[in-house]
Structures are given as structure tokens and as C-alpha cells.
């Protein structure tokens, strides 16, 4: 019998927001906010590294395959969409 690895998912809470990594959802005051996959993944990385600087290179390594060219002037325009999500961050695993 093989063992199955179970992944721990995190729930991040910041201000009126809650991000469930497992459910792939961002909520504000309990109301689901529609967020595309890539901005969601960027937000997860930023929240997972709250309080530290996350470089473009680190984001590229985490979010895109090694052989993918990412034009950061075009590829990371999710910043304005995520810019309203500010405040202290807490998380639970």
C-alpha cells in the first residue's frame, strides 16, 4: 500500500479579507471576490512571505515553468487588483 501525502493549506486573514488557499477563494467580509488564477497565486505568495520582500525573480520561479519568458511589465499587472488588499496578515494552517 502506498501512502498519500496530504498537503496543508493555509487560510490568510488580513483586514476584512480572508484567503483560503484550499478553496481558491478570496473573501471580503464573507463575500467572495472574483480573482483570476494568476493574481490569486501572486497574492498567496505575497501573503506567505508577509513582512519580507518578494522579488520578481522569486515570483517567476514559483509561478511559471523554468522555460517560460515572463515580461514583468505585462505579466504582473495584477498589482493594482491586489493593491486594495492591505492590512496586517494572520494565517492558519
N, C-alpha and C. Protein backbone atom coordinates (compact mmCIF):
# COMPACT_ATOMS: atom_id res chain seq x y z
N UNK A 1 0.83 -1.19 0.00
CA UNK A 1 0.00 0.00 0.00
C UNK A 1 0.87 1.24 0.00
N UNK A 2 0.52 2.18 -0.85
CA UNK A 2 1.25 3.43 -0.88
C UNK A 2 0.60 4.44 0.04
N UNK A 3 1.40 5.36 0.50
CA UNK A 3 0.84 6.40 1.36
C UNK A 3 0.53 7.63 0.51
N UNK A 4 -0.51 8.31 0.87
CA UNK A 4 -0.85 9.53 0.14
C UNK A 4 -0.40 10.71 0.98
N UNK A 5 0.26 11.63 0.32
CA UNK A 5 0.73 12.83 1.01
C UNK A 5 -0.43 13.80 1.12
N UNK A 6 -0.64 14.31 2.32
CA UNK A 6 -1.69 15.32 2.47
C UNK A 6 -1.02 16.68 2.57
N UNK A 7 -1.56 17.60 1.80
CA UNK A 7 -0.99 18.94 1.75
C UNK A 7 -1.71 19.81 2.76
N UNK A 8 -0.94 20.62 3.46
CA UNK A 8 -1.52 21.57 4.41
C UNK A 8 -1.86 22.84 3.63
N UNK A 9 -3.06 23.31 3.79
CA UNK A 9 -3.49 24.54 3.16
C UNK A 9 -3.62 25.62 4.22
N UNK A 10 -3.36 26.83 3.82
CA UNK A 10 -3.37 27.94 4.74
C UNK A 10 -4.55 28.84 4.47
N UNK A 11 -5.08 29.42 5.54
CA UNK A 11 -6.09 30.47 5.44
C UNK A 11 -5.42 31.73 5.96
N UNK A 12 -5.37 32.76 5.12
CA UNK A 12 -4.77 34.04 5.50
C UNK A 12 -5.89 35.01 5.82
N UNK A 13 -5.72 35.77 6.89
CA UNK A 13 -6.69 36.81 7.25
C UNK A 13 -5.95 38.13 7.34
N UNK A 14 -6.48 39.13 6.64
CA UNK A 14 -5.88 40.46 6.69
C UNK A 14 -6.97 41.50 6.49
N UNK A 15 -7.10 42.38 7.49
CA UNK A 15 -8.19 43.35 7.47
C UNK A 15 -9.51 42.62 7.33
N UNK A 16 -10.40 43.08 6.44
CA UNK A 16 -11.69 42.41 6.25
C UNK A 16 -11.60 41.21 5.31
N UNK A 17 -10.38 40.86 4.87
CA UNK A 17 -10.20 39.81 3.87
C UNK A 17 -9.83 38.47 4.49
N UNK A 18 -10.22 37.40 3.79
CA UNK A 18 -9.82 36.05 4.13
C UNK A 18 -9.54 35.32 2.83
N UNK A 19 -8.35 34.73 2.74
CA UNK A 19 -7.97 33.97 1.55
C UNK A 19 -7.81 32.52 1.95
N UNK A 20 -8.58 31.65 1.30
CA UNK A 20 -8.49 30.21 1.55
C UNK A 20 -7.71 29.60 0.39
N UNK A 21 -6.52 29.14 0.70
CA UNK A 21 -5.69 28.51 -0.33
C UNK A 21 -6.34 27.24 -0.85
N UNK A 22 -6.93 26.45 0.04
CA UNK A 22 -7.56 25.20 -0.35
C UNK A 22 -8.75 25.43 -1.29
N UNK A 23 -9.59 26.39 -0.96
CA UNK A 23 -10.79 26.65 -1.76
C UNK A 23 -10.51 27.55 -2.96
N UNK A 24 -9.33 28.18 -2.99
CA UNK A 24 -9.01 29.09 -4.08
C UNK A 24 -9.90 30.32 -4.08
N UNK A 25 -10.24 30.78 -2.86
CA UNK A 25 -11.17 31.91 -2.75
C UNK A 25 -10.60 33.04 -1.91
N UNK A 26 -10.96 34.24 -2.33
CA UNK A 26 -10.69 35.45 -1.56
C UNK A 26 -12.03 36.02 -1.18
N UNK A 27 -12.20 36.33 0.10
CA UNK A 27 -13.47 36.89 0.58
C UNK A 27 -13.20 38.19 1.33
N UNK A 28 -14.14 39.11 1.20
CA UNK A 28 -14.10 40.37 1.96
C UNK A 28 -15.39 40.44 2.74
N UNK A 29 -15.25 40.46 4.07
CA UNK A 29 -16.42 40.45 4.95
C UNK A 29 -17.36 39.30 4.59
N UNK A 30 -16.79 38.15 4.22
CA UNK A 30 -17.57 36.96 3.91
C UNK A 30 -18.09 36.88 2.49
N UNK A 31 -17.92 37.94 1.70
CA UNK A 31 -18.41 37.96 0.33
C UNK A 31 -17.27 37.60 -0.61
N UNK A 32 -17.50 36.59 -1.46
CA UNK A 32 -16.46 36.12 -2.37
C UNK A 32 -16.12 37.19 -3.39
N UNK A 33 -14.82 37.39 -3.59
CA UNK A 33 -14.31 38.33 -4.59
C UNK A 33 -13.74 37.51 -5.73
N UNK A 34 -14.19 37.79 -6.94
CA UNK A 34 -13.69 37.06 -8.10
C UNK A 34 -12.26 37.51 -8.38
N UNK A 35 -11.37 36.55 -8.44
CA UNK A 35 -9.95 36.82 -8.69
C UNK A 35 -9.44 35.74 -9.63
N UNK A 36 -8.81 36.16 -10.72
CA UNK A 36 -8.26 35.20 -11.67
C UNK A 36 -7.15 34.39 -11.02
N UNK A 37 -6.81 33.27 -11.64
CA UNK A 37 -5.84 32.33 -11.04
C UNK A 37 -4.48 32.96 -10.78
N UNK A 38 -3.92 33.65 -11.76
CA UNK A 38 -2.56 34.17 -11.58
C UNK A 38 -2.49 35.25 -10.48
N UNK A 39 -3.39 36.23 -10.46
CA UNK A 39 -3.36 37.18 -9.34
C UNK A 39 -3.58 36.48 -8.00
N UNK A 40 -4.41 35.44 -7.97
CA UNK A 40 -4.61 34.68 -6.75
C UNK A 40 -3.30 34.05 -6.29
N UNK A 41 -2.59 33.43 -7.21
CA UNK A 41 -1.31 32.78 -6.87
C UNK A 41 -0.27 33.79 -6.41
N UNK A 42 -0.24 34.96 -7.06
CA UNK A 42 0.68 36.02 -6.62
C UNK A 42 0.34 36.44 -5.20
N UNK A 43 -0.96 36.63 -4.92
CA UNK A 43 -1.38 37.03 -3.58
C UNK A 43 -1.00 35.98 -2.55
N UNK A 44 -1.16 34.70 -2.87
CA UNK A 44 -0.77 33.63 -1.94
C UNK A 44 0.72 33.74 -1.63
N UNK A 45 1.54 33.94 -2.64
CA UNK A 45 3.00 34.05 -2.42
C UNK A 45 3.33 35.26 -1.56
N UNK A 46 2.69 36.39 -1.83
CA UNK A 46 2.96 37.60 -1.04
C UNK A 46 2.52 37.41 0.41
N UNK A 47 1.37 36.81 0.61
CA UNK A 47 0.88 36.59 1.97
C UNK A 47 1.73 35.57 2.71
N UNK A 48 2.17 34.54 2.01
CA UNK A 48 3.01 33.51 2.63
C UNK A 48 4.36 34.08 3.06
N UNK A 49 4.75 35.20 2.45
CA UNK A 49 6.02 35.84 2.77
C UNK A 49 5.81 37.23 3.35
N UNK A 50 4.71 37.42 4.07
CA UNK A 50 4.38 38.73 4.64
C UNK A 50 5.53 39.24 5.50
N UNK A 51 5.82 40.51 5.32
CA UNK A 51 6.89 41.14 6.09
C UNK A 51 8.25 41.05 5.43
N UNK A 52 8.33 40.36 4.30
CA UNK A 52 9.59 40.27 3.57
C UNK A 52 9.38 40.73 2.13
N UNK A 53 10.46 41.10 1.50
CA UNK A 53 10.39 41.50 0.10
C UNK A 53 10.39 40.24 -0.77
N UNK A 54 9.45 40.16 -1.68
CA UNK A 54 9.40 39.06 -2.64
C UNK A 54 9.80 39.65 -4.00
N UNK A 55 10.89 39.16 -4.54
CA UNK A 55 11.39 39.72 -5.79
C UNK A 55 10.62 39.16 -6.98
N UNK A 56 10.73 39.85 -8.09
CA UNK A 56 10.12 39.36 -9.33
C UNK A 56 10.68 38.00 -9.71
N UNK A 57 11.97 37.83 -9.50
CA UNK A 57 12.60 36.55 -9.83
C UNK A 57 12.02 35.42 -8.97
N UNK A 58 11.80 35.69 -7.69
CA UNK A 58 11.21 34.67 -6.81
C UNK A 58 9.78 34.33 -7.27
N UNK A 59 9.01 35.35 -7.63
CA UNK A 59 7.67 35.09 -8.14
C UNK A 59 7.72 34.27 -9.42
N UNK A 60 8.64 34.63 -10.30
CA UNK A 60 8.77 33.91 -11.57
C UNK A 60 9.08 32.44 -11.31
N UNK A 61 10.02 32.17 -10.40
CA UNK A 61 10.40 30.78 -10.10
C UNK A 61 9.24 29.99 -9.51
N UNK A 62 8.42 30.63 -8.69
CA UNK A 62 7.31 29.94 -8.04
C UNK A 62 6.11 29.73 -8.94
N UNK A 63 5.85 30.69 -9.84
CA UNK A 63 4.58 30.72 -10.56
C UNK A 63 4.64 30.28 -12.01
N UNK A 64 5.83 30.25 -12.60
CA UNK A 64 5.92 29.88 -14.02
C UNK A 64 6.96 28.78 -14.21
N UNK A 65 6.77 27.92 -15.20
CA UNK A 65 7.78 26.91 -15.51
C UNK A 65 9.11 27.57 -15.87
N UNK A 66 10.19 26.84 -15.67
CA UNK A 66 11.54 27.39 -15.86
C UNK A 66 11.77 27.91 -17.27
N UNK A 67 11.16 27.30 -18.27
CA UNK A 67 11.42 27.71 -19.65
C UNK A 67 10.45 28.78 -20.15
N UNK A 68 9.73 29.43 -19.24
CA UNK A 68 8.75 30.46 -19.62
C UNK A 68 9.36 31.84 -19.52
N UNK A 69 9.19 32.64 -20.58
CA UNK A 69 9.62 34.03 -20.54
C UNK A 69 8.49 34.85 -19.96
N UNK A 70 8.79 35.65 -18.95
CA UNK A 70 7.77 36.50 -18.34
C UNK A 70 8.18 37.95 -18.53
N UNK A 71 7.35 38.69 -19.24
CA UNK A 71 7.56 40.13 -19.39
C UNK A 71 6.86 40.79 -18.21
N UNK A 72 7.63 41.18 -17.21
CA UNK A 72 7.04 41.67 -15.98
C UNK A 72 6.30 42.99 -16.15
N UNK A 73 6.57 43.71 -17.23
CA UNK A 73 5.81 44.92 -17.47
C UNK A 73 4.39 44.58 -17.91
N UNK A 74 4.20 43.37 -18.44
CA UNK A 74 2.88 42.93 -18.88
C UNK A 74 2.37 41.81 -17.99
N UNK A 75 3.26 40.89 -17.59
CA UNK A 75 2.86 39.66 -16.91
C UNK A 75 2.42 39.80 -15.47
N UNK A 76 2.77 40.89 -14.80
CA UNK A 76 2.39 41.04 -13.40
C UNK A 76 1.53 42.27 -13.18
N UNK A 77 0.60 42.49 -14.03
CA UNK A 77 -0.29 43.64 -13.88
C UNK A 77 -1.42 43.38 -12.89
N UNK A 78 -1.25 42.37 -12.06
CA UNK A 78 -2.28 42.10 -11.06
C UNK A 78 -2.08 43.00 -9.84
N UNK A 79 -0.96 43.71 -9.77
CA UNK A 79 -0.68 44.59 -8.63
C UNK A 79 -1.81 45.54 -8.31
N UNK A 80 -2.33 46.29 -9.31
CA UNK A 80 -3.44 47.20 -8.99
C UNK A 80 -4.67 46.47 -8.46
N UNK A 81 -4.92 45.25 -8.92
CA UNK A 81 -6.08 44.49 -8.43
C UNK A 81 -5.87 44.07 -6.99
N UNK A 82 -4.62 43.82 -6.63
CA UNK A 82 -4.33 43.36 -5.28
C UNK A 82 -4.02 44.51 -4.34
N UNK A 83 -3.80 45.69 -4.90
CA UNK A 83 -3.38 46.84 -4.09
C UNK A 83 -4.36 47.24 -3.02
N UNK A 84 -5.62 46.93 -3.19
CA UNK A 84 -6.62 47.30 -2.20
C UNK A 84 -6.63 46.34 -1.02
N UNK A 85 -5.92 45.23 -1.14
CA UNK A 85 -5.88 44.22 -0.08
C UNK A 85 -4.70 44.52 0.84
N UNK A 86 -4.92 45.37 1.80
CA UNK A 86 -3.84 45.78 2.69
C UNK A 86 -4.23 45.54 4.13
N UNK A 87 -3.24 45.52 4.98
CA UNK A 87 -3.50 45.39 6.41
C UNK A 87 -2.67 44.28 7.00
N UNK A 88 -2.73 44.14 8.32
CA UNK A 88 -1.98 43.07 8.99
C UNK A 88 -2.46 41.70 8.50
N UNK A 89 -1.53 40.77 8.46
CA UNK A 89 -1.84 39.43 7.95
C UNK A 89 -1.71 38.42 9.09
N UNK A 90 -2.69 37.54 9.19
CA UNK A 90 -2.56 36.38 10.08
C UNK A 90 -2.89 35.16 9.24
N UNK A 91 -2.36 34.03 9.64
CA UNK A 91 -2.65 32.83 8.85
C UNK A 91 -2.80 31.64 9.77
N UNK A 92 -3.57 30.67 9.29
CA UNK A 92 -3.73 29.41 9.99
C UNK A 92 -3.52 28.29 8.99
N UNK A 93 -2.90 27.23 9.43
CA UNK A 93 -2.67 26.09 8.54
C UNK A 93 -3.56 24.96 8.95
